[in-house]
């Protein structure tokens, strides 16, 4: 509702569609779940 959902299908950082067995991380830059490659180390 607040416009802060990533949809859980496509990484909001790199735009790549998630694979079925993919584990998501979190991007503190976008304050959103993302793929592990784009995730913030912190």
ModelCIF file with pLDDT and N, C-alpha, C, O atoms, coordinates in Angstrom:
data_MODEL
#
_entry.id   MODEL 
#
_entity.id                         1 
_entity.type                       polymer 
_entity.pdbx_number_of_molecules   1 
#
_entity_poly.entity_id                      1 
_entity_poly.type                           'polypeptide(L)' 
_entity_poly.nstd_linkage                   no 
_entity_poly.nstd_monomer                   no 
_entity_poly.pdbx_seq_one_letter_code       
;(UNK)(UNK)(UNK)(UNK)(UNK)(UNK)(UNK)(UNK)(UNK)(UNK)(UNK)(UNK)(UNK)(UNK)(UNK)(UNK)
(UNK)(UNK)(UNK)(UNK)(UNK)(UNK)(UNK)(UNK)(UNK)(UNK)(UNK)(UNK)(UNK)(UNK)(UNK)(UNK)
(UNK)(UNK)(UNK)(UNK)(UNK)(UNK)(UNK)(UNK)(UNK)(UNK)
;
_entity_poly.pdbx_seq_one_letter_code_can   XXXXXXXXXXXXXXXXXXXXXXXXXXXXXXXXXXXXXXXXXX 
_entity_poly.pdbx_strand_id                 A 
#
loop_
_entity_poly_seq.entity_id 
_entity_poly_seq.num 
_entity_poly_seq.mon_id 
_entity_poly_seq.hetero 
1 1  UNK n 
1 2  UNK n 
1 3  UNK n 
1 4  UNK n 
1 5  UNK n 
1 6  UNK n 
1 7  UNK n 
1 8  UNK n 
1 9  UNK n 
1 10 UNK n 
1 11 UNK n 
1 12 UNK n 
1 13 UNK n 
1 14 UNK n 
1 15 UNK n 
1 16 UNK n 
1 17 UNK n 
1 18 UNK n 
1 19 UNK n 
1 20 UNK n 
1 21 UNK n 
1 22 UNK n 
1 23 UNK n 
1 24 UNK n 
1 25 UNK n 
1 26 UNK n 
1 27 UNK n 
1 28 UNK n 
1 29 UNK n 
1 30 UNK n 
1 31 UNK n 
1 32 UNK n 
1 33 UNK n 
1 34 UNK n 
1 35 UNK n 
1 36 UNK n 
1 37 UNK n 
1 38 UNK n 
1 39 UNK n 
1 40 UNK n 
1 41 UNK n 
1 42 UNK n 
#
_struct_asym.id          A 
_struct_asym.entity_id   1 
#
loop_
_ma_qa_metric.id 
_ma_qa_metric.mode 
_ma_qa_metric.name 
_ma_qa_metric.software_group_id 
_ma_qa_metric.type 
1 global pLDDT . pLDDT 
2 local  pLDDT . pLDDT 
#
_ma_qa_metric_global.metric_id      1 
_ma_qa_metric_global.metric_value   93.45 
_ma_qa_metric_global.model_id       1 
_ma_qa_metric_global.ordinal_id     1 
#
loop_
_ma_qa_metric_local.label_asym_id 
_ma_qa_metric_local.label_comp_id 
_ma_qa_metric_local.label_seq_id 
_ma_qa_metric_local.metric_id 
_ma_qa_metric_local.metric_value 
_ma_qa_metric_local.model_id 
_ma_qa_metric_local.ordinal_id 
A UNK 1  2 97.00 1 1  
A UNK 2  2 96.00 1 2  
A UNK 3  2 94.00 1 3  
A UNK 4  2 93.00 1 4  
A UNK 5  2 90.00 1 5  
A UNK 6  2 85.00 1 6  
A UNK 7  2 83.00 1 7  
A UNK 8  2 95.00 1 8  
A UNK 9  2 95.00 1 9  
A UNK 10 2 96.00 1 10 
A UNK 11 2 96.00 1 11 
A UNK 12 2 95.00 1 12 
A UNK 13 2 95.00 1 13 
A UNK 14 2 95.00 1 14 
A UNK 15 2 96.00 1 15 
A UNK 16 2 96.00 1 16 
A UNK 17 2 97.00 1 17 
A UNK 18 2 97.00 1 18 
A UNK 19 2 96.00 1 19 
A UNK 20 2 93.00 1 20 
A UNK 21 2 95.00 1 21 
A UNK 22 2 96.00 1 22 
A UNK 23 2 96.00 1 23 
A UNK 24 2 97.00 1 24 
A UNK 25 2 96.00 1 25 
A UNK 26 2 96.00 1 26 
A UNK 27 2 94.00 1 27 
A UNK 28 2 90.00 1 28 
A UNK 29 2 90.00 1 29 
A UNK 30 2 91.00 1 30 
A UNK 31 2 91.00 1 31 
A UNK 32 2 94.00 1 32 
A UNK 33 2 96.00 1 33 
A UNK 34 2 96.00 1 34 
A UNK 35 2 96.00 1 35 
A UNK 36 2 94.00 1 36 
A UNK 37 2 94.00 1 37 
A UNK 38 2 95.00 1 38 
A UNK 39 2 95.00 1 39 
A UNK 40 2 90.00 1 40 
A UNK 41 2 80.00 1 41 
A UNK 42 2 83.00 1 42 
#
loop_
_atom_site.group_PDB 
_atom_site.id 
_atom_site.type_symbol 
_atom_site.label_atom_id 
_atom_site.label_alt_id 
_atom_site.label_comp_id 
_atom_site.label_asym_id 
_atom_site.label_entity_id 
_atom_site.label_seq_id 
_atom_site.pdbx_PDB_ins_code 
_atom_site.Cartn_x 
_atom_site.Cartn_y 
_atom_site.Cartn_z 
_atom_site.occupancy 
_atom_site.B_iso_or_equiv 
_atom_site.pdbx_formal_charge 
_atom_site.auth_seq_id 
_atom_site.auth_comp_id 
_atom_site.auth_asym_id 
_atom_site.auth_atom_id 
_atom_site.pdbx_PDB_model_num 
ATOM 1   N N  . UNK A 1 1  ? 0.839  -1.204  0.000   1.00 97.00 ? 1  UNK A N  1 
ATOM 2   C CA . UNK A 1 1  ? 0.000  0.000   0.000   1.00 97.00 ? 1  UNK A CA 1 
ATOM 3   C C  . UNK A 1 1  ? 0.871  1.250   0.000   1.00 97.00 ? 1  UNK A C  1 
ATOM 4   O O  . UNK A 1 1  ? 0.557  2.239   -0.662  1.00 97.00 ? 1  UNK A O  1 
ATOM 5   N N  . UNK A 1 2  ? 1.976  1.195   0.754   1.00 96.00 ? 2  UNK A N  1 
ATOM 6   C CA . UNK A 1 2  ? 2.875  2.343   0.869   1.00 96.00 ? 2  UNK A CA 1 
ATOM 7   C C  . UNK A 1 2  ? 3.807  2.492   -0.326  1.00 96.00 ? 2  UNK A C  1 
ATOM 8   O O  . UNK A 1 2  ? 4.609  3.425   -0.377  1.00 96.00 ? 2  UNK A O  1 
ATOM 9   N N  . UNK A 1 3  ? 3.706  1.565   -1.301  1.00 94.00 ? 3  UNK A N  1 
ATOM 10  C CA . UNK A 1 3  ? 4.561  1.622   -2.488  1.00 94.00 ? 3  UNK A CA 1 
ATOM 11  C C  . UNK A 1 3  ? 5.971  1.158   -2.240  1.00 94.00 ? 3  UNK A C  1 
ATOM 12  O O  . UNK A 1 3  ? 6.897  1.577   -2.934  1.00 94.00 ? 3  UNK A O  1 
ATOM 13  N N  . UNK A 1 4  ? 6.151  0.279   -1.237  1.00 93.00 ? 4  UNK A N  1 
ATOM 14  C CA . UNK A 1 4  ? 7.488  -0.166  -0.847  1.00 93.00 ? 4  UNK A CA 1 
ATOM 15  C C  . UNK A 1 4  ? 7.688  -1.661  -1.074  1.00 93.00 ? 4  UNK A C  1 
ATOM 16  O O  . UNK A 1 4  ? 8.604  -2.255  -0.505  1.00 93.00 ? 4  UNK A O  1 
ATOM 17  N N  . UNK A 1 5  ? 6.842  -2.274  -1.899  1.00 90.00 ? 5  UNK A N  1 
ATOM 18  C CA . UNK A 1 5  ? 6.969  -3.701  -2.186  1.00 90.00 ? 5  UNK A CA 1 
ATOM 19  C C  . UNK A 1 5  ? 7.680  -3.901  -3.515  1.00 90.00 ? 5  UNK A C  1 
ATOM 20  O O  . UNK A 1 5  ? 7.401  -3.202  -4.489  1.00 90.00 ? 5  UNK A O  1 
ATOM 21  N N  . UNK A 1 6  ? 8.603  -4.863  -3.551  1.00 85.00 ? 6  UNK A N  1 
ATOM 22  C CA . UNK A 1 6  ? 9.380  -5.110  -4.769  1.00 85.00 ? 6  UNK A CA 1 
ATOM 23  C C  . UNK A 1 6  ? 8.692  -6.091  -5.716  1.00 85.00 ? 6  UNK A C  1 
ATOM 24  O O  . UNK A 1 6  ? 9.123  -6.251  -6.858  1.00 85.00 ? 6  UNK A O  1 
ATOM 25  N N  . UNK A 1 7  ? 7.628  -6.747  -5.253  1.00 83.00 ? 7  UNK A N  1 
ATOM 26  C CA . UNK A 1 7  ? 6.927  -7.705  -6.093  1.00 83.00 ? 7  UNK A CA 1 
ATOM 27  C C  . UNK A 1 7  ? 7.454  -9.124  -5.991  1.00 83.00 ? 7  UNK A C  1 
ATOM 28  O O  . UNK A 1 7  ? 6.736  -10.068 -6.322  1.00 83.00 ? 7  UNK A O  1 
ATOM 29  N N  . UNK A 1 8  ? 8.690  -9.300  -5.541  1.00 95.00 ? 8  UNK A N  1 
ATOM 30  C CA . UNK A 1 8  ? 9.278  -10.614 -5.280  1.00 95.00 ? 8  UNK A CA 1 
ATOM 31  C C  . UNK A 1 8  ? 9.404  -11.481 -6.526  1.00 95.00 ? 8  UNK A C  1 
ATOM 32  O O  . UNK A 1 8  ? 9.444  -12.708 -6.427  1.00 95.00 ? 8  UNK A O  1 
ATOM 33  N N  . UNK A 1 9  ? 9.468  -10.856 -7.694  1.00 95.00 ? 9  UNK A N  1 
ATOM 34  C CA . UNK A 1 9  ? 9.677  -11.597 -8.933  1.00 95.00 ? 9  UNK A CA 1 
ATOM 35  C C  . UNK A 1 9  ? 10.917 -11.123 -9.680  1.00 95.00 ? 9  UNK A C  1 
ATOM 36  O O  . UNK A 1 9  ? 11.589 -11.916 -10.338 1.00 95.00 ? 9  UNK A O  1 
ATOM 37  N N  . UNK A 1 10 ? 11.223 -9.828  -9.580  1.00 96.00 ? 10 UNK A N  1 
ATOM 38  C CA . UNK A 1 10 ? 12.342 -9.226  -10.306 1.00 96.00 ? 10 UNK A CA 1 
ATOM 39  C C  . UNK A 1 10 ? 13.167 -8.387  -9.335  1.00 96.00 ? 10 UNK A C  1 
ATOM 40  O O  . UNK A 1 10 ? 12.615 -7.657  -8.511  1.00 96.00 ? 10 UNK A O  1 
ATOM 41  N N  . UNK A 1 11 ? 14.479 -8.494  -9.434  1.00 96.00 ? 11 UNK A N  1 
ATOM 42  C CA . UNK A 1 11 ? 15.346 -7.686  -8.577  1.00 96.00 ? 11 UNK A CA 1 
ATOM 43  C C  . UNK A 1 11 ? 15.169 -6.203  -8.919  1.00 96.00 ? 11 UNK A C  1 
ATOM 44  O O  . UNK A 1 11 ? 15.327 -5.822  -10.078 1.00 96.00 ? 11 UNK A O  1 
ATOM 45  N N  . UNK A 1 12 ? 14.845 -5.363  -7.934  1.00 95.00 ? 12 UNK A N  1 
ATOM 46  C CA . UNK A 1 12 ? 14.627 -3.942  -8.228  1.00 95.00 ? 12 UNK A CA 1 
ATOM 47  C C  . UNK A 1 12 ? 15.917 -3.180  -8.520  1.00 95.00 ? 12 UNK A C  1 
ATOM 48  O O  . UNK A 1 12 ? 15.874 -2.038  -8.978  1.00 95.00 ? 12 UNK A O  1 
ATOM 49  N N  . UNK A 1 13 ? 17.065 -3.807  -8.256  1.00 95.00 ? 13 UNK A N  1 
ATOM 50  C CA . UNK A 1 13 ? 18.356 -3.143  -8.475  1.00 95.00 ? 13 UNK A CA 1 
ATOM 51  C C  . UNK A 1 13 ? 18.858 -3.409  -9.894  1.00 95.00 ? 13 UNK A C  1 
ATOM 52  O O  . UNK A 1 13 ? 19.126 -2.471  -10.645 1.00 95.00 ? 13 UNK A O  1 
ATOM 53  N N  . UNK A 1 14 ? 18.986 -4.698  -10.264 1.00 95.00 ? 14 UNK A N  1 
ATOM 54  C CA . UNK A 1 14 ? 19.556 -5.043  -11.575 1.00 95.00 ? 14 UNK A CA 1 
ATOM 55  C C  . UNK A 1 14 ? 18.505 -5.418  -12.614 1.00 95.00 ? 14 UNK A C  1 
ATOM 56  O O  . UNK A 1 14 ? 18.822 -5.516  -13.800 1.00 95.00 ? 14 UNK A O  1 
ATOM 57  N N  . UNK A 1 15 ? 17.255 -5.630  -12.188 1.00 96.00 ? 15 UNK A N  1 
ATOM 58  C CA . UNK A 1 15 ? 16.184 -5.945  -13.124 1.00 96.00 ? 15 UNK A CA 1 
ATOM 59  C C  . UNK A 1 15 ? 16.116 -7.390  -13.549 1.00 96.00 ? 15 UNK A C  1 
ATOM 60  O O  . UNK A 1 15 ? 15.306 -7.733  -14.409 1.00 96.00 ? 15 UNK A O  1 
ATOM 61  N N  . UNK A 1 16 ? 16.949 -8.265  -12.969 1.00 96.00 ? 16 UNK A N  1 
ATOM 62  C CA . UNK A 1 16 ? 16.955 -9.679  -13.348 1.00 96.00 ? 16 UNK A CA 1 
ATOM 63  C C  . UNK A 1 16 ? 15.806 -10.419 -12.664 1.00 96.00 ? 16 UNK A C  1 
ATOM 64  O O  . UNK A 1 16 ? 15.523 -10.189 -11.488 1.00 96.00 ? 16 UNK A O  1 
ATOM 65  N N  . UNK A 1 17 ? 15.142 -11.316 -13.415 1.00 97.00 ? 17 UNK A N  1 
ATOM 66  C CA . UNK A 1 17 ? 14.073 -12.120 -12.842 1.00 97.00 ? 17 UNK A CA 1 
ATOM 67  C C  . UNK A 1 17 ? 14.683 -13.201 -11.947 1.00 97.00 ? 17 UNK A C  1 
ATOM 68  O O  . UNK A 1 17 ? 15.666 -13.844 -12.313 1.00 97.00 ? 17 UNK A O  1 
ATOM 69  N N  . UNK A 1 18 ? 14.087 -13.387 -10.772 1.00 97.00 ? 18 UNK A N  1 
ATOM 70  C CA . UNK A 1 18 ? 14.604 -14.384 -9.833  1.00 97.00 ? 18 UNK A CA 1 
ATOM 71  C C  . UNK A 1 18 ? 14.370 -15.794 -10.358 1.00 97.00 ? 18 UNK A C  1 
ATOM 72  O O  . UNK A 1 18 ? 13.355 -16.060 -11.003 1.00 97.00 ? 18 UNK A O  1 
ATOM 73  N N  . UNK A 1 19 ? 15.310 -16.700 -10.082 1.00 96.00 ? 19 UNK A N  1 
ATOM 74  C CA . UNK A 1 19 ? 15.111 -18.115 -10.375 1.00 96.00 ? 19 UNK A CA 1 
ATOM 75  C C  . UNK A 1 19 ? 14.257 -18.732 -9.263  1.00 96.00 ? 19 UNK A C  1 
ATOM 76  O O  . UNK A 1 19 ? 14.102 -18.138 -8.195  1.00 96.00 ? 19 UNK A O  1 
ATOM 77  N N  . UNK A 1 20 ? 13.709 -19.911 -9.511  1.00 93.00 ? 20 UNK A N  1 
ATOM 78  C CA . UNK A 1 20 ? 12.799 -20.549 -8.553  1.00 93.00 ? 20 UNK A CA 1 
ATOM 79  C C  . UNK A 1 20 ? 13.466 -20.837 -7.213  1.00 93.00 ? 20 UNK A C  1 
ATOM 80  O O  . UNK A 1 20 ? 12.823 -20.752 -6.167  1.00 93.00 ? 20 UNK A O  1 
ATOM 81  N N  . UNK A 1 21 ? 14.755 -21.176 -7.241  1.00 95.00 ? 21 UNK A N  1 
ATOM 82  C CA . UNK A 1 21 ? 15.438 -21.571 -6.010  1.00 95.00 ? 21 UNK A CA 1 
ATOM 83  C C  . UNK A 1 21 ? 16.326 -20.459 -5.433  1.00 95.00 ? 21 UNK A C  1 
ATOM 84  O O  . UNK A 1 21 ? 17.248 -20.722 -4.662  1.00 95.00 ? 21 UNK A O  1 
ATOM 85  N N  . UNK A 1 22 ? 16.029 -19.220 -5.820  1.00 96.00 ? 22 UNK A N  1 
ATOM 86  C CA . UNK A 1 22 ? 16.900 -18.111 -5.426  1.00 96.00 ? 22 UNK A CA 1 
ATOM 87  C C  . UNK A 1 22 ? 16.585 -17.601 -4.016  1.00 96.00 ? 22 UNK A C  1 
ATOM 88  O O  . UNK A 1 22 ? 15.425 -17.470 -3.627  1.00 96.00 ? 22 UNK A O  1 
ATOM 89  N N  . UNK A 1 23 ? 17.649 -17.318 -3.268  1.00 96.00 ? 23 UNK A N  1 
ATOM 90  C CA . UNK A 1 23 ? 17.551 -16.695 -1.949  1.00 96.00 ? 23 UNK A CA 1 
ATOM 91  C C  . UNK A 1 23 ? 17.728 -15.184 -2.112  1.00 96.00 ? 23 UNK A C  1 
ATOM 92  O O  . UNK A 1 23 ? 18.668 -14.731 -2.765  1.00 96.00 ? 23 UNK A O  1 
ATOM 93  N N  . UNK A 1 24 ? 16.823 -14.413 -1.519  1.00 97.00 ? 24 UNK A N  1 
ATOM 94  C CA . UNK A 1 24 ? 16.897 -12.960 -1.643  1.00 97.00 ? 24 UNK A CA 1 
ATOM 95  C C  . UNK A 1 24 ? 17.658 -12.332 -0.487  1.00 97.00 ? 24 UNK A C  1 
ATOM 96  O O  . UNK A 1 24 ? 17.667 -12.846 0.631   1.00 97.00 ? 24 UNK A O  1 
ATOM 97  N N  . UNK A 1 25 ? 18.294 -11.208 -0.786  1.00 96.00 ? 25 UNK A N  1 
ATOM 98  C CA . UNK A 1 25 ? 18.925 -10.395 0.238   1.00 96.00 ? 25 UNK A CA 1 
ATOM 99  C C  . UNK A 1 25 ? 18.161 -9.085  0.376   1.00 96.00 ? 25 UNK A C  1 
ATOM 100 O O  . UNK A 1 25 ? 16.959 -9.031  0.115   1.00 96.00 ? 25 UNK A O  1 
ATOM 101 N N  . UNK A 1 26 ? 18.863 -8.025  0.789   1.00 96.00 ? 26 UNK A N  1 
ATOM 102 C CA . UNK A 1 26 ? 18.208 -6.736  1.007   1.00 96.00 ? 26 UNK A CA 1 
ATOM 103 C C  . UNK A 1 26 ? 19.133 -5.609  0.573   1.00 96.00 ? 26 UNK A C  1 
ATOM 104 O O  . UNK A 1 26 ? 20.329 -5.621  0.867   1.00 96.00 ? 26 UNK A O  1 
ATOM 105 N N  . UNK A 1 27 ? 18.563 -4.635  -0.132  1.00 94.00 ? 27 UNK A N  1 
ATOM 106 C CA . UNK A 1 27 ? 19.301 -3.454  -0.544  1.00 94.00 ? 27 UNK A CA 1 
ATOM 107 C C  . UNK A 1 27 ? 18.937 -2.294  0.370   1.00 94.00 ? 27 UNK A C  1 
ATOM 108 O O  . UNK A 1 27 ? 17.793 -1.841  0.372   1.00 94.00 ? 27 UNK A O  1 
ATOM 109 N N  . UNK A 1 28 ? 19.906 -1.808  1.148   1.00 90.00 ? 28 UNK A N  1 
ATOM 110 C CA . UNK A 1 28 ? 19.592 -0.664  2.014   1.00 90.00 ? 28 UNK A CA 1 
ATOM 111 C C  . UNK A 1 28 ? 19.495 0.622   1.204   1.00 90.00 ? 28 UNK A C  1 
ATOM 112 O O  . UNK A 1 28 ? 18.926 1.606   1.678   1.00 90.00 ? 28 UNK A O  1 
ATOM 113 N N  . UNK A 1 29 ? 20.044 0.632   -0.013  1.00 90.00 ? 29 UNK A N  1 
ATOM 114 C CA . UNK A 1 29 ? 19.943 1.813   -0.862  1.00 90.00 ? 29 UNK A CA 1 
ATOM 115 C C  . UNK A 1 29 ? 18.505 2.028   -1.334  1.00 90.00 ? 29 UNK A C  1 
ATOM 116 O O  . UNK A 1 29 ? 18.007 3.154   -1.348  1.00 90.00 ? 29 UNK A O  1 
ATOM 117 N N  . UNK A 1 30 ? 17.833 0.914   -1.725  1.00 91.00 ? 30 UNK A N  1 
ATOM 118 C CA . UNK A 1 30 ? 16.443 0.996   -2.168  1.00 91.00 ? 30 UNK A CA 1 
ATOM 119 C C  . UNK A 1 30 ? 15.463 0.623   -1.063  1.00 91.00 ? 30 UNK A C  1 
ATOM 120 O O  . UNK A 1 30 ? 14.251 0.733   -1.247  1.00 91.00 ? 30 UNK A O  1 
ATOM 121 N N  . UNK A 1 31 ? 15.981 0.179   0.092   1.00 91.00 ? 31 UNK A N  1 
ATOM 122 C CA . UNK A 1 31 ? 15.141 -0.277  1.209   1.00 91.00 ? 31 UNK A CA 1 
ATOM 123 C C  . UNK A 1 31 ? 14.163 -1.347  0.728   1.00 91.00 ? 31 UNK A C  1 
ATOM 124 O O  . UNK A 1 31 ? 12.957 -1.257  0.957   1.00 91.00 ? 31 UNK A O  1 
ATOM 125 N N  . UNK A 1 32 ? 14.716 -2.370  0.048   1.00 94.00 ? 32 UNK A N  1 
ATOM 126 C CA . UNK A 1 32 ? 13.865 -3.372  -0.584  1.00 94.00 ? 32 UNK A CA 1 
ATOM 127 C C  . UNK A 1 32 ? 14.601 -4.700  -0.698  1.00 94.00 ? 32 UNK A C  1 
ATOM 128 O O  . UNK A 1 32 ? 15.828 -4.712  -0.796  1.00 94.00 ? 32 UNK A O  1 
ATOM 129 N N  . UNK A 1 33 ? 13.869 -5.834  -0.687  1.00 96.00 ? 33 UNK A N  1 
ATOM 130 C CA . UNK A 1 33 ? 14.488 -7.116  -1.013  1.00 96.00 ? 33 UNK A CA 1 
ATOM 131 C C  . UNK A 1 33 ? 15.060 -7.077  -2.426  1.00 96.00 ? 33 UNK A C  1 
ATOM 132 O O  . UNK A 1 33 ? 14.536 -6.386  -3.300  1.00 96.00 ? 33 UNK A O  1 
ATOM 133 N N  . UNK A 1 34 ? 16.142 -7.826  -2.640  1.00 96.00 ? 34 UNK A N  1 
ATOM 134 C CA . UNK A 1 34 ? 16.789 -7.858  -3.947  1.00 96.00 ? 34 UNK A CA 1 
ATOM 135 C C  . UNK A 1 34 ? 17.562 -9.161  -4.074  1.00 96.00 ? 34 UNK A C  1 
ATOM 136 O O  . UNK A 1 34 ? 17.576 -9.959  -3.136  1.00 96.00 ? 34 UNK A O  1 
ATOM 137 N N  . UNK A 1 35 ? 18.209 -9.397  -5.219  1.00 96.00 ? 35 UNK A N  1 
ATOM 138 C CA . UNK A 1 35 ? 19.024 -10.599 -5.384  1.00 96.00 ? 35 UNK A CA 1 
ATOM 139 C C  . UNK A 1 35 ? 20.271 -10.483 -4.511  1.00 96.00 ? 35 UNK A C  1 
ATOM 140 O O  . UNK A 1 35 ? 20.656 -9.389  -4.098  1.00 96.00 ? 35 UNK A O  1 
ATOM 141 N N  . UNK A 1 36 ? 20.890 -11.621 -4.241  1.00 94.00 ? 36 UNK A N  1 
ATOM 142 C CA . UNK A 1 36 ? 22.052 -11.614 -3.344  1.00 94.00 ? 36 UNK A CA 1 
ATOM 143 C C  . UNK A 1 36 ? 23.222 -10.845 -3.940  1.00 94.00 ? 36 UNK A C  1 
ATOM 144 O O  . UNK A 1 36 ? 24.023 -10.278 -3.197  1.00 94.00 ? 36 UNK A O  1 
ATOM 145 N N  . UNK A 1 37 ? 23.339 -10.811 -5.266  1.00 94.00 ? 37 UNK A N  1 
ATOM 146 C CA . UNK A 1 37 ? 24.436 -10.088 -5.910  1.00 94.00 ? 37 UNK A CA 1 
ATOM 147 C C  . UNK A 1 37 ? 24.335 -8.585  -5.670  1.00 94.00 ? 37 UNK A C  1 
ATOM 148 O O  . UNK A 1 37 ? 25.352 -7.896  -5.594  1.00 94.00 ? 37 UNK A O  1 
ATOM 149 N N  . UNK A 1 38 ? 23.118 -8.080  -5.552  1.00 95.00 ? 38 UNK A N  1 
ATOM 150 C CA . UNK A 1 38 ? 22.897 -6.642  -5.355  1.00 95.00 ? 38 UNK A CA 1 
ATOM 151 C C  . UNK A 1 38 ? 22.675 -6.282  -3.888  1.00 95.00 ? 38 UNK A C  1 
ATOM 152 O O  . UNK A 1 38 ? 22.474 -5.114  -3.558  1.00 95.00 ? 38 UNK A O  1 
ATOM 153 N N  . UNK A 1 39 ? 22.710 -7.278  -3.013  1.00 95.00 ? 39 UNK A N  1 
ATOM 154 C CA . UNK A 1 39 ? 22.401 -7.036  -1.607  1.00 95.00 ? 39 UNK A CA 1 
ATOM 155 C C  . UNK A 1 39 ? 23.501 -6.232  -0.928  1.00 95.00 ? 39 UNK A C  1 
ATOM 156 O O  . UNK A 1 39 ? 24.669 -6.308  -1.310  1.00 95.00 ? 39 UNK A O  1 
ATOM 157 N N  . UNK A 1 40 ? 23.115 -5.469  0.074   1.00 90.00 ? 40 UNK A N  1 
ATOM 158 C CA . UNK A 1 40 ? 24.061 -4.689  0.865   1.00 90.00 ? 40 UNK A CA 1 
ATOM 159 C C  . UNK A 1 40 ? 24.762 -5.595  1.870   1.00 90.00 ? 40 UNK A C  1 
ATOM 160 O O  . UNK A 1 40 ? 24.117 -6.381  2.563   1.00 90.00 ? 40 UNK A O  1 
ATOM 161 N N  . UNK A 1 41 ? 26.062 -5.482  1.944   1.00 80.00 ? 41 UNK A N  1 
ATOM 162 C CA . UNK A 1 41 ? 26.833 -6.318  2.863   1.00 80.00 ? 41 UNK A CA 1 
ATOM 163 C C  . UNK A 1 41 ? 26.542 -5.972  4.316   1.00 80.00 ? 41 UNK A C  1 
ATOM 164 O O  . UNK A 1 41 ? 26.777 -6.787  5.208   1.00 80.00 ? 41 UNK A O  1 
ATOM 165 N N  . UNK A 1 42 ? 26.025 -4.750  4.564   1.00 83.00 ? 42 UNK A N  1 
ATOM 166 C CA . UNK A 1 42 ? 25.806 -4.302  5.936   1.00 83.00 ? 42 UNK A CA 1 
ATOM 167 C C  . UNK A 1 42 ? 24.489 -4.802  6.530   1.00 83.00 ? 42 UNK A C  1 
ATOM 168 O O  . UNK A 1 42 ? 24.177 -4.500  7.682   1.00 83.00 ? 42 UNK A O  1 
#
